[in-house]
Amino acid sequence: MTRALSGRVVVDGAQGEGGGQVLRTALTLSVLTGRPVRIERVRAGRDRPGLRPQHLTAVRAAAAVCNGELDGDALGSQTVELVPGPDICPGTYGFDVAEAAQDGSAGSVGLVLQTVLLPLALAHGESEVTVRGGTHVQWAPSASYLEQVFLPTLGCMGVDAEVELKSWGFYPAGGGNIRLGLPGRGSPLRPIDLSTRGSLMRVWGIAAVTNLPSHIPQRMANRAQNVLAEQGLESRVEPRRLGGAGPGAGIFLFVEYDGAVAGFTAYGRRGLPAERVAEAACEDLLTHHRSGAAADPHLADQLVLPMALTLGESRLVTSEITGHLLTNVAVVRQFLGSRIQVDGELGGPGTLVVEGERYD
């Protein structure tokens, strides 16, 4: 990939929902375009602003895949600068979120992967990326969501990725391990149309625990199947009891239509009955299903950037416009000047239309 855009970009990390999404999208776009970036007020909207272990790992991962120069790559830093090297470098990479922390971390491996996925997917040459940390944690795409929803959707756009979840890691212990293989595309992505989803094909899921009794995943699975059946949706939810670095519990539900797949997650915590965990995930799934939309809220915000990297118009209808989606739109516009239209109100259903920009 030859990167032609130039000029340093200064990004306000406090814009939109003021979280790590601004940082990750800006880093990815800096690597892709070759444009130096300075991100100020990193995660200013969070209780603990600045770089946390998963964000610091993502910053260093972005620099690694392009031989870039970094400034501000330290825990707690609220200003980060990346000057990308001249080329994106496919190859074999390993990142460990715990290495960026002083006493271990369950920071999300999914967020680290998403920072480098597109640059390596569009590069000329094969890559393999292994990330250790939290594979299933709050406020981040789980490894199961990446495997069942995000990567298959990217596959429709031309990203041929192979993912292997080698071990599970729940918050707070982490200790999970995921591997991503990318053959390298060397050309822009194909546009995608998720305006309609088609007929319902199946509903399935996993109710998983690490280092907890086997009755907990069974109770989550049973309750989820019962709740969905009461609403006319037959499902198959598999209970799993796994080993791990520490205790953890969660349920991961998926609904597949002719033309789209969506995913929904809920995590357990001490004092919260397994049945309530299952009900929370079912409620989100049923809300999406009743909306008639193709893209779930998380998929919609994650597709803004790949849609902008196509040569043509992409569109989707989502069951909820989120702050993450609008934040991603703002950062993409700042880098690429893409024509992006969002119709709908924050918190409600809406449509996203993106006209991809040639930058390679």
Protein backbone atom coordinates (compact mmCIF):
# COMPACT_ATOMS: atom_id res chain seq x y z
CA MET A 1 0.00 0.00 0.00
CA THR A 2 1.31 3.43 -0.97
CA ARG A 3 0.05 6.18 1.31
CA ALA A 4 -0.36 9.56 -0.34
CA LEU A 5 -2.13 11.84 2.13
CA SER A 6 0.08 14.21 4.09
CA GLY A 7 -0.11 16.82 6.83
CA ARG A 8 -0.14 16.44 10.59
CA VAL A 9 -3.54 15.93 12.19
CA VAL A 10 -4.39 17.20 15.68
CA VAL A 11 -7.27 15.29 17.26
CA ASP A 12 -9.21 16.33 20.35
CA GLY A 13 -9.58 13.21 22.48
CA ALA A 14 -12.38 14.83 24.46
CA GLN A 15 -14.74 15.05 21.49
CA GLY A 16 -17.86 12.92 21.31
CA GLU A 17 -18.08 10.48 24.18
CA GLY A 18 -14.50 11.33 25.14
CA GLY A 19 -13.27 7.75 25.48
CA GLY A 20 -10.71 5.46 23.93
CA GLN A 21 -12.58 5.26 20.61
CA VAL A 22 -11.09 8.58 19.47
CA LEU A 23 -7.58 7.34 20.24
CA ARG A 24 -7.96 3.98 18.46
CA THR A 25 -9.56 5.38 15.31
CA ALA A 26 -7.01 8.18 15.07
CA LEU A 27 -4.12 5.74 15.47
CA THR A 28 -5.48 3.40 12.80
CA LEU A 29 -6.01 6.25 10.36
CA SER A 30 -2.56 7.65 11.04
CA VAL A 31 -1.00 4.29 10.19
CA LEU A 32 -3.19 3.84 7.11
CA THR A 33 -2.65 7.29 5.65
CA GLY A 34 0.91 7.90 6.82
CA ARG A 35 -0.16 11.21 8.39
CA PRO A 36 1.43 12.12 11.75
CA VAL A 37 -1.14 12.55 14.50
CA ARG A 38 -1.23 14.29 17.85
CA ILE A 39 -4.09 13.23 20.13
CA GLU A 40 -4.73 15.65 22.98
CA ARG A 41 -6.91 15.26 26.07
CA VAL A 42 -6.90 11.47 25.69
CA ARG A 43 -9.97 9.89 27.31
CA ALA A 44 -10.88 13.20 28.94
CA GLY A 45 -14.47 12.02 29.36
CA ARG A 46 -13.55 9.11 31.63
CA ASP A 47 -13.18 8.94 35.41
CA ARG A 48 -9.52 7.99 34.97
CA PRO A 49 -8.38 10.02 31.93
CA GLY A 50 -5.28 9.27 29.94
CA LEU A 51 -3.83 6.00 28.74
CA ARG A 52 -4.79 2.82 30.58
CA PRO A 53 -2.92 -0.44 29.88
CA GLN A 54 -5.06 -1.49 26.90
CA HIS A 55 -4.77 1.97 25.32
CA LEU A 56 -1.02 2.10 25.88
CA THR A 57 -0.71 -1.35 24.28
CA ALA A 58 -2.76 -0.16 21.30
CA VAL A 59 -0.53 2.92 20.90
CA ARG A 60 2.61 0.78 20.88
CA ALA A 61 1.01 -1.77 18.55
CA ALA A 62 0.14 0.97 16.04
CA ALA A 63 3.72 2.20 16.07
CA ALA A 64 5.10 -1.32 15.74
CA VAL A 65 3.22 -2.18 12.53
CA CYS A 66 4.53 0.92 10.74
CA ASN A 67 7.92 1.45 12.43
CA GLY A 68 6.57 4.71 13.77
CA GLU A 69 7.98 7.14 16.30
CA LEU A 70 6.05 7.72 19.51
CA ASP A 71 5.88 10.44 22.12
CA GLY A 72 3.71 10.28 25.22
CA ASP A 73 3.44 6.49 25.38
CA ALA A 74 3.16 6.11 29.15
CA LEU A 75 0.41 5.12 31.56
CA GLY A 76 -1.77 8.11 32.37
CA SER A 77 -0.48 10.20 29.47
CA GLN A 78 -3.15 12.52 28.06
CA THR A 79 -1.22 13.52 24.94
CA VAL A 80 0.10 11.05 22.39
CA GLU A 81 1.96 11.67 19.15
CA LEU A 82 2.63 9.12 16.41
CA VAL A 83 4.79 9.76 13.36
CA PRO A 84 4.26 6.71 11.12
CA GLY A 85 7.10 5.15 9.22
CA PRO A 86 7.06 5.14 5.41
CA ASP A 87 5.37 1.73 5.08
CA ILE A 88 3.03 -0.64 6.87
CA CYS A 89 5.00 -3.75 7.78
CA PRO A 90 3.21 -7.10 7.62
CA GLY A 91 4.71 -9.77 9.83
CA THR A 92 4.39 -11.64 13.12
CA TYR A 93 3.51 -9.58 16.18
CA GLY A 94 2.82 -10.29 19.83
CA PHE A 95 1.36 -7.85 22.35
CA ASP A 96 0.59 -8.35 26.04
CA VAL A 97 -1.67 -5.87 27.80
CA ALA A 98 -0.27 -6.95 31.17
CA GLU A 99 3.19 -5.74 30.15
CA ALA A 100 1.83 -2.21 29.95
CA ALA A 101 0.47 -2.43 33.50
CA GLN A 102 2.37 -2.46 36.73
CA ASP A 103 0.46 -5.35 38.32
CA GLY A 104 -1.28 -7.19 35.48
CA SER A 105 -4.34 -6.14 33.54
CA ALA A 106 -7.52 -7.49 31.97
CA GLY A 107 -7.50 -4.69 29.41
CA SER A 108 -9.30 -5.67 26.22
CA VAL A 109 -7.36 -7.61 23.60
CA GLY A 110 -10.15 -6.86 21.13
CA LEU A 111 -9.50 -3.14 21.23
CA VAL A 112 -5.80 -3.70 20.61
CA LEU A 113 -6.55 -6.00 17.68
CA GLN A 114 -8.96 -3.53 16.14
CA THR A 115 -6.27 -0.83 16.13
CA VAL A 116 -3.92 -2.81 13.87
CA LEU A 117 -6.37 -5.08 12.04
CA LEU A 118 -7.19 -2.86 9.08
CA PRO A 119 -3.64 -1.63 8.39
CA LEU A 120 -2.35 -5.21 8.33
CA ALA A 121 -5.38 -6.50 6.41
CA LEU A 122 -4.78 -3.94 3.65
CA ALA A 123 -1.02 -4.41 3.53
CA HIS A 124 0.88 -6.45 0.94
CA GLY A 125 1.86 -9.63 2.78
CA GLU A 126 0.75 -12.03 5.51
CA SER A 127 0.54 -11.14 9.18
CA GLU A 128 -0.09 -12.96 12.43
CA VAL A 129 -0.99 -11.07 15.60
CA THR A 130 -1.23 -12.58 19.07
CA VAL A 131 -2.59 -10.50 21.94
CA ARG A 132 -2.76 -11.50 25.61
CA GLY A 133 -5.04 -9.89 28.17
CA GLY A 134 -8.79 -9.68 28.67
CA THR A 135 -10.68 -11.49 25.93
CA HIS A 136 -14.12 -10.97 27.53
CA VAL A 137 -14.42 -7.69 29.44
CA GLN A 138 -16.98 -4.92 29.86
CA TRP A 139 -17.14 -1.96 27.47
CA ALA A 140 -15.21 -3.68 24.69
CA PRO A 141 -15.91 -6.15 21.87
CA SER A 142 -15.42 -9.66 23.23
CA ALA A 143 -13.32 -12.19 21.36
CA SER A 144 -16.55 -14.09 20.74
CA TYR A 145 -18.14 -11.02 19.13
CA LEU A 146 -15.11 -10.49 16.91
CA GLU A 147 -15.20 -14.14 15.87
CA GLN A 148 -18.95 -14.42 15.21
CA VAL A 149 -20.01 -10.91 14.10
CA PHE A 150 -17.31 -8.37 13.26
CA LEU A 151 -14.84 -10.50 11.32
CA PRO A 152 -17.49 -12.35 9.25
CA THR A 153 -18.93 -8.94 8.30
CA LEU A 154 -15.47 -7.69 7.32
CA GLY A 155 -15.18 -10.87 5.29
CA CYS A 156 -18.02 -9.59 3.12
CA MET A 157 -15.85 -6.54 2.47
CA GLY A 158 -12.81 -8.56 1.45
CA VAL A 159 -10.92 -9.10 4.74
CA ASP A 160 -10.05 -12.80 4.92
CA ALA A 161 -9.16 -13.12 8.60
CA GLU A 162 -8.60 -16.26 10.65
CA VAL A 163 -9.16 -15.95 14.39
CA GLU A 164 -8.34 -18.43 17.15
CA LEU A 165 -9.38 -17.92 20.77
CA LYS A 166 -6.67 -19.88 22.55
CA SER A 167 -7.76 -19.11 26.13
CA TRP A 168 -10.46 -17.04 27.81
CA GLY A 169 -9.69 -14.12 30.09
CA PHE A 170 -12.41 -12.38 32.09
CA TYR A 171 -12.06 -9.19 34.13
CA PRO A 172 -10.23 -8.61 36.47
CA ALA A 173 -7.64 -11.37 36.08
CA GLY A 174 -7.34 -11.37 32.30
CA GLY A 175 -4.83 -13.94 31.13
CA GLY A 176 -6.62 -14.68 27.85
CA ASN A 177 -4.96 -15.23 24.50
CA ILE A 178 -6.21 -14.63 20.97
CA ARG A 179 -4.48 -15.07 17.61
CA LEU A 180 -5.43 -13.35 14.36
CA GLY A 181 -4.13 -14.37 10.96
CA LEU A 182 -4.35 -11.98 8.00
CA PRO A 183 -3.23 -12.87 4.47
CA GLY A 184 -3.00 -9.19 3.47
CA ARG A 185 -5.22 -7.73 0.77
CA GLY A 186 -3.15 -4.99 -0.80
CA SER A 187 -6.23 -3.24 -2.19
CA PRO A 188 -9.23 -1.23 -0.91
CA LEU A 189 -12.19 -2.96 0.69
CA ARG A 190 -15.45 -3.72 -1.09
CA PRO A 191 -18.52 -1.61 -0.22
CA ILE A 192 -21.19 -3.25 1.91
CA ASP A 193 -24.95 -2.84 2.05
CA LEU A 194 -26.65 -3.70 5.34
CA SER A 195 -29.87 -1.84 4.60
CA THR A 196 -31.93 -5.00 5.09
CA ARG A 197 -31.22 -8.15 7.03
CA GLY A 198 -33.50 -10.75 5.44
CA SER A 199 -35.21 -13.67 7.15
CA LEU A 200 -34.26 -15.05 10.55
CA MET A 201 -31.97 -18.07 10.24
CA ARG A 202 -30.95 -19.03 13.78
CA VAL A 203 -30.27 -17.84 17.32
CA TRP A 204 -27.42 -19.34 19.31
CA GLY A 205 -24.93 -18.50 22.01
CA ILE A 206 -22.44 -19.46 24.69
CA ALA A 207 -22.89 -19.19 28.44
CA ALA A 208 -19.36 -19.40 29.81
CA VAL A 209 -17.57 -19.28 33.15
CA THR A 210 -14.00 -19.67 34.28
CA ASN A 211 -13.14 -21.11 37.70
CA LEU A 212 -16.79 -21.18 38.82
CA PRO A 213 -19.26 -24.04 39.43
CA SER A 214 -20.85 -25.72 36.41
CA HIS A 215 -24.39 -24.89 37.50
CA ILE A 216 -23.82 -21.18 36.73
CA PRO A 217 -23.40 -21.47 32.94
CA GLN A 218 -26.20 -24.03 32.84
CA ARG A 219 -28.55 -21.62 34.61
CA MET A 220 -27.60 -18.78 32.24
CA ALA A 221 -28.15 -21.01 29.21
CA ASN A 222 -31.50 -22.34 30.44
CA ARG A 223 -32.85 -18.91 31.31
CA ALA A 224 -31.77 -17.40 27.99
CA GLN A 225 -33.43 -20.17 26.01
CA ASN A 226 -36.62 -19.82 28.03
CA VAL A 227 -36.80 -16.03 27.70
CA LEU A 228 -36.25 -16.16 23.96
CA ALA A 229 -38.75 -19.01 23.53
CA GLU A 230 -41.40 -16.95 25.32
CA GLN A 231 -40.94 -14.36 22.56
CA GLY A 232 -41.11 -16.90 19.76
CA LEU A 233 -37.38 -17.34 19.19
CA GLU A 234 -36.01 -20.85 19.43
CA SER A 235 -32.34 -20.87 20.38
CA ARG A 236 -29.44 -23.11 21.29
CA VAL A 237 -27.18 -21.76 24.05
CA GLU A 238 -24.20 -23.90 25.01
CA PRO A 239 -23.03 -23.88 28.66
CA ARG A 240 -19.24 -23.96 29.05
CA ARG A 241 -17.07 -24.27 32.14
CA LEU A 242 -13.48 -23.29 31.38
CA GLY A 243 -10.20 -22.84 33.14
CA GLY A 244 -8.69 -19.38 33.45
CA ALA A 245 -6.53 -17.00 35.40
CA GLY A 246 -9.44 -16.05 37.63
CA PRO A 247 -13.21 -16.34 38.06
CA GLY A 248 -15.53 -14.84 35.48
CA ALA A 249 -18.92 -15.31 33.86
CA GLY A 250 -20.74 -14.06 30.79
CA ILE A 251 -23.28 -14.91 28.14
CA PHE A 252 -22.78 -14.22 24.44
CA LEU A 253 -25.85 -14.40 22.19
CA PHE A 254 -25.99 -14.17 18.41
CA VAL A 255 -28.83 -13.85 15.93
CA GLU A 256 -28.25 -14.61 12.25
CA TYR A 257 -30.41 -13.42 9.36
CA ASP A 258 -30.08 -14.02 5.63
CA GLY A 259 -27.94 -10.92 5.22
CA ALA A 260 -26.59 -9.98 8.65
CA VAL A 261 -25.50 -11.28 12.03
CA ALA A 262 -25.75 -9.46 15.38
CA GLY A 263 -24.31 -10.11 18.83
CA PHE A 264 -25.23 -9.27 22.43
CA THR A 265 -23.33 -9.73 25.68
CA ALA A 266 -23.88 -9.57 29.43
CA TYR A 267 -21.36 -10.25 32.20
CA GLY A 268 -21.84 -11.67 35.64
CA ARG A 269 -20.61 -10.19 38.88
CA ARG A 270 -20.64 -11.16 42.53
CA GLY A 271 -24.17 -11.02 43.91
CA LEU A 272 -25.91 -10.94 40.52
CA PRO A 273 -27.91 -14.14 39.84
CA ALA A 274 -27.04 -16.05 36.68
CA GLU A 275 -30.62 -15.68 35.50
CA ARG A 276 -30.42 -11.87 35.58
CA VAL A 277 -27.25 -11.97 33.47
CA ALA A 278 -29.04 -14.02 30.83
CA GLU A 279 -32.08 -11.75 30.89
CA ALA A 280 -29.95 -8.66 30.24
CA ALA A 281 -28.43 -10.13 27.07
CA CYS A 282 -31.84 -11.39 25.92
CA GLU A 283 -33.38 -7.95 26.39
CA ASP A 284 -30.76 -6.37 24.11
CA LEU A 285 -31.19 -9.10 21.50
CA LEU A 286 -34.98 -8.78 21.50
CA THR A 287 -34.83 -4.98 21.23
CA HIS A 288 -32.63 -5.31 18.16
CA HIS A 289 -34.74 -8.07 16.63
CA ARG A 290 -37.96 -6.08 17.00
CA SER A 291 -36.37 -3.02 15.36
CA GLY A 292 -36.02 -4.76 12.02
CA ALA A 293 -32.51 -3.30 11.61
CA ALA A 294 -29.60 -5.22 10.12
CA ALA A 295 -26.66 -3.91 12.19
CA ASP A 296 -26.53 -4.03 15.98
CA PRO A 297 -25.28 -0.85 17.70
CA HIS A 298 -21.74 -2.14 18.23
CA LEU A 299 -21.31 -3.36 14.66
CA ALA A 300 -22.53 -0.03 13.30
CA ASP A 301 -19.86 2.01 15.07
CA GLN A 302 -17.13 -0.52 14.23
CA LEU A 303 -17.99 -0.42 10.53
CA VAL A 304 -17.63 3.36 10.08
CA LEU A 305 -13.90 3.13 9.43
CA PRO A 306 -13.85 0.11 7.08
CA MET A 307 -16.79 1.60 5.14
CA ALA A 308 -14.70 4.75 4.61
CA LEU A 309 -11.87 2.63 3.17
CA THR A 310 -13.90 1.24 0.27
CA LEU A 311 -14.11 2.56 -3.28
CA GLY A 312 -17.83 3.24 -3.41
CA GLU A 313 -20.90 3.80 -1.28
CA SER A 314 -21.67 1.66 1.75
CA ARG A 315 -24.79 1.84 3.87
CA LEU A 316 -26.35 0.23 6.89
CA VAL A 317 -29.43 0.47 9.08
CA THR A 318 -28.79 0.09 12.82
CA SER A 319 -31.11 -0.45 15.74
CA GLU A 320 -29.36 2.32 17.71
CA ILE A 321 -27.18 5.31 16.89
CA THR A 322 -24.58 5.48 19.65
CA GLY A 323 -22.07 8.04 20.82
CA HIS A 324 -19.31 5.72 19.62
CA LEU A 325 -20.71 5.79 16.10
CA LEU A 326 -20.89 9.59 15.99
CA THR A 327 -17.41 9.85 17.48
CA ASN A 328 -15.98 7.56 14.82
CA VAL A 329 -17.70 9.57 12.10
CA ALA A 330 -16.09 12.78 13.35
CA VAL A 331 -12.55 11.33 13.46
CA VAL A 332 -12.86 9.69 10.03
CA ARG A 333 -14.04 12.96 8.53
CA GLN A 334 -11.08 14.76 10.03
CA PHE A 335 -8.58 12.39 8.41
CA LEU A 336 -10.21 11.44 5.13
CA GLY A 337 -12.82 14.10 4.45
CA SER A 338 -15.25 11.29 3.68
CA ARG A 339 -18.83 12.07 2.84
CA ILE A 340 -20.76 10.48 5.69
CA GLN A 341 -24.46 10.86 6.38
CA VAL A 342 -26.15 9.78 9.59
CA ASP A 343 -29.94 9.90 9.66
CA GLY A 344 -31.62 9.42 13.02
CA GLU A 345 -31.35 10.59 16.62
CA LEU A 346 -28.83 9.53 19.25
CA GLY A 347 -30.22 6.51 21.10
CA GLY A 348 -32.69 5.62 18.36
CA PRO A 349 -32.56 3.62 15.12
CA GLY A 350 -30.92 5.19 12.12
CA THR A 351 -29.12 4.91 8.80
CA LEU A 352 -25.44 5.38 8.02
CA VAL A 353 -24.23 6.09 4.48
CA VAL A 354 -20.50 6.39 3.75
CA GLU A 355 -18.87 7.29 0.44
CA GLY A 356 -15.43 5.71 0.53
CA GLU A 357 -12.37 7.80 -0.30
CA ARG A 358 -9.40 6.76 -2.47
CA TYR A 359 -6.28 7.42 -0.44
CA ASP A 360 -3.95 4.68 -1.61
